[in-house]
Amino acid sequence: MTFVVNADGNWSITGTAHNSNLLVRTFHWTCDLTWDAAEVTHVTAKKAVPGKTTRTIGSVAYDPDVQGDFAAIADHGRADCDIVIG
């Protein structure tokens, strides 16, 4: 998975999931971005993954908080991203 944060406030998440089960499972990605006392969370939409297949999902958007505080984010920001299944 890839989480990109740009100085202009645009961000993107792209990630891939493989379903090793026989039944369909849904998944989405969530990323928490923290810096100083601020925190923002960005997520992708949910996507169904049929059994024994792989799917990629992505989201892009603009966040004014990211644009306004980009110097602090670049200096000491932290991202924590997870896949959510189900």
C-alpha atoms as a PDB file:
ATOM      1  CA  MET A   1       0.000   0.000   0.000  1.00  0.00           C
ATOM      2  CA  THR A   2       1.101   3.538  -0.694  1.00  0.00           C
ATOM      3  CA  PHE A   3       0.047   6.717   1.122  1.00  0.00           C
ATOM      4  CA  VAL A   4       1.229   9.969  -0.481  1.00  0.00           C
ATOM      5  CA  VAL A   5       0.796  13.448   0.999  1.00  0.00           C
ATOM      6  CA  ASN A   6       1.675  16.466  -1.153  1.00  0.00           C
ATOM      7  CA  ALA A   7       2.463  20.066  -0.218  1.00  0.00           C
ATOM      8  CA  ASP A   8      -0.545  21.306  -2.195  1.00  0.00           C
ATOM      9  CA  GLY A   9      -2.862  19.416   0.195  1.00  0.00           C
ATOM     10  CA  ASN A  10      -3.638  16.543  -2.151  1.00  0.00           C
ATOM     11  CA  TRP A  11      -3.246  13.025  -0.799  1.00  0.00           C
ATOM     12  CA  SER A  12      -3.663   9.539  -2.237  1.00  0.00           C
ATOM     13  CA  ILE A  13      -3.975   5.988  -0.977  1.00  0.00           C
ATOM     14  CA  THR A  14      -3.423   2.960  -3.213  1.00  0.00           C
ATOM     15  CA  GLY A  15      -3.433  -0.576  -1.888  1.00  0.00           C
ATOM     16  CA  THR A  16      -3.877  -4.179  -2.966  1.00  0.00           C
ATOM     17  CA  ALA A  17      -5.505  -7.083  -1.141  1.00  0.00           C
ATOM     18  CA  HIS A  18      -5.575 -10.794  -1.888  1.00  0.00           C
ATOM     19  CA  ASN A  19      -8.469 -12.951  -0.718  1.00  0.00           C
ATOM     20  CA  SER A  20      -7.257 -16.468  -0.055  1.00  0.00           C
ATOM     21  CA  ASN A  21     -10.751 -17.619   1.023  1.00  0.00           C
ATOM     22  CA  LEU A  22     -13.399 -19.069  -1.279  1.00  0.00           C
ATOM     23  CA  LEU A  23     -16.082 -16.527  -0.334  1.00  0.00           C
ATOM     24  CA  VAL A  24     -16.195 -12.828  -1.213  1.00  0.00           C
ATOM     25  CA  ARG A  25     -14.633 -10.465   1.361  1.00  0.00           C
ATOM     26  CA  THR A  26     -14.654  -6.677   1.403  1.00  0.00           C
ATOM     27  CA  PHE A  27     -11.733  -4.463   2.326  1.00  0.00           C
ATOM     28  CA  HIS A  28     -10.686  -0.837   2.555  1.00  0.00           C
ATOM     29  CA  TRP A  29      -7.600   1.060   3.658  1.00  0.00           C
ATOM     30  CA  THR A  30      -7.430   3.659   6.421  1.00  0.00           C
ATOM     31  CA  CYS A  31      -4.505   6.000   7.116  1.00  0.00           C
ATOM     32  CA  ASP A  32      -4.066   8.166  10.218  1.00  0.00           C
ATOM     33  CA  LEU A  33      -1.721  11.118   9.745  1.00  0.00           C
ATOM     34  CA  THR A  34      -0.516  12.821  12.939  1.00  0.00           C
ATOM     35  CA  TRP A  35       1.698  15.823  13.599  1.00  0.00           C
ATOM     36  CA  ASP A  36       1.977  18.129  16.605  1.00  0.00           C
ATOM     37  CA  ALA A  37      -1.471  17.908  18.249  1.00  0.00           C
ATOM     38  CA  ALA A  38      -3.293  17.397  14.939  1.00  0.00           C
ATOM     39  CA  GLU A  39      -4.609  14.178  13.435  1.00  0.00           C
ATOM     40  CA  VAL A  40      -6.515  13.446  10.236  1.00  0.00           C
ATOM     41  CA  THR A  41      -7.816  10.137   8.957  1.00  0.00           C
ATOM     42  CA  HIS A  42      -8.280   9.271   5.295  1.00  0.00           C
ATOM     43  CA  VAL A  43      -9.917   6.099   3.973  1.00  0.00           C
ATOM     44  CA  THR A  44     -10.678   4.419   0.672  1.00  0.00           C
ATOM     45  CA  ALA A  45     -14.109   3.157  -0.266  1.00  0.00           C
ATOM     46  CA  LYS A  46     -14.856  -0.514   0.378  1.00  0.00           C
ATOM     47  CA  LYS A  47     -14.184  -2.987  -2.402  1.00  0.00           C
ATOM     48  CA  ALA A  48     -15.336  -6.598  -2.762  1.00  0.00           C
ATOM     49  CA  VAL A  49     -12.701  -9.224  -3.491  1.00  0.00           C
ATOM     50  CA  PRO A  50     -14.014 -12.546  -4.809  1.00  0.00           C
ATOM     51  CA  GLY A  51     -12.404 -15.717  -3.466  1.00  0.00           C
ATOM     52  CA  LYS A  52      -8.890 -16.556  -4.639  1.00  0.00           C
ATOM     53  CA  THR A  53      -8.384 -13.167  -6.380  1.00  0.00           C
ATOM     54  CA  THR A  54      -6.531  -9.909  -5.862  1.00  0.00           C
ATOM     55  CA  ARG A  55      -7.973  -6.386  -6.146  1.00  0.00           C
ATOM     56  CA  THR A  56      -6.451  -2.906  -5.991  1.00  0.00           C
ATOM     57  CA  ILE A  57      -8.261   0.135  -4.625  1.00  0.00           C
ATOM     58  CA  GLY A  58      -7.331   3.783  -4.453  1.00  0.00           C
ATOM     59  CA  SER A  59      -8.596   7.178  -3.352  1.00  0.00           C
ATOM     60  CA  VAL A  60      -7.411  10.731  -3.910  1.00  0.00           C
ATOM     61  CA  ALA A  61      -8.641  13.987  -2.403  1.00  0.00           C
ATOM     62  CA  TYR A  62      -7.663  17.428  -1.124  1.00  0.00           C
ATOM     63  CA  ASP A  63      -7.263  18.241   2.575  1.00  0.00           C
ATOM     64  CA  PRO A  64      -6.752  21.902   3.595  1.00  0.00           C
ATOM     65  CA  ASP A  65      -5.252  20.829   6.951  1.00  0.00           C
ATOM     66  CA  VAL A  66      -2.512  18.951   5.120  1.00  0.00           C
ATOM     67  CA  GLN A  67      -1.782  21.938   2.893  1.00  0.00           C
ATOM     68  CA  GLY A  68      -1.703  24.392   5.802  1.00  0.00           C
ATOM     69  CA  ASP A  69       0.622  22.307   7.978  1.00  0.00           C
ATOM     70  CA  PHE A  70       2.702  20.543   5.335  1.00  0.00           C
ATOM     71  CA  ALA A  71       6.054  21.824   6.677  1.00  0.00           C
ATOM     72  CA  ALA A  72       5.325  20.293  10.107  1.00  0.00           C
ATOM     73  CA  ILE A  73       4.056  17.078   8.514  1.00  0.00           C
ATOM     74  CA  ALA A  74       7.203  16.757   6.391  1.00  0.00           C
ATOM     75  CA  ASP A  75       9.418  17.486   9.406  1.00  0.00           C
ATOM     76  CA  HIS A  76       7.901  15.224  12.054  1.00  0.00           C
ATOM     77  CA  GLY A  77       4.565  13.844  10.838  1.00  0.00           C
ATOM     78  CA  ARG A  78       3.702  10.182  11.227  1.00  0.00           C
ATOM     79  CA  ALA A  79       1.413   7.983   9.124  1.00  0.00           C
ATOM     80  CA  ASP A  80      -0.157   4.748  10.297  1.00  0.00           C
ATOM     81  CA  CYS A  81      -2.057   2.799   7.638  1.00  0.00           C
ATOM     82  CA  ASP A  82      -4.061  -0.406   8.030  1.00  0.00           C
ATOM     83  CA  ILE A  83      -6.197  -2.662   5.928  1.00  0.00           C
ATOM     84  CA  VAL A  84      -9.718  -3.249   7.256  1.00  0.00           C
ATOM     85  CA  ILE A  85     -11.299  -6.526   6.177  1.00  0.00           C
ATOM     86  CA  GLY A  86     -15.011  -7.067   6.403  1.00  0.00           C
END
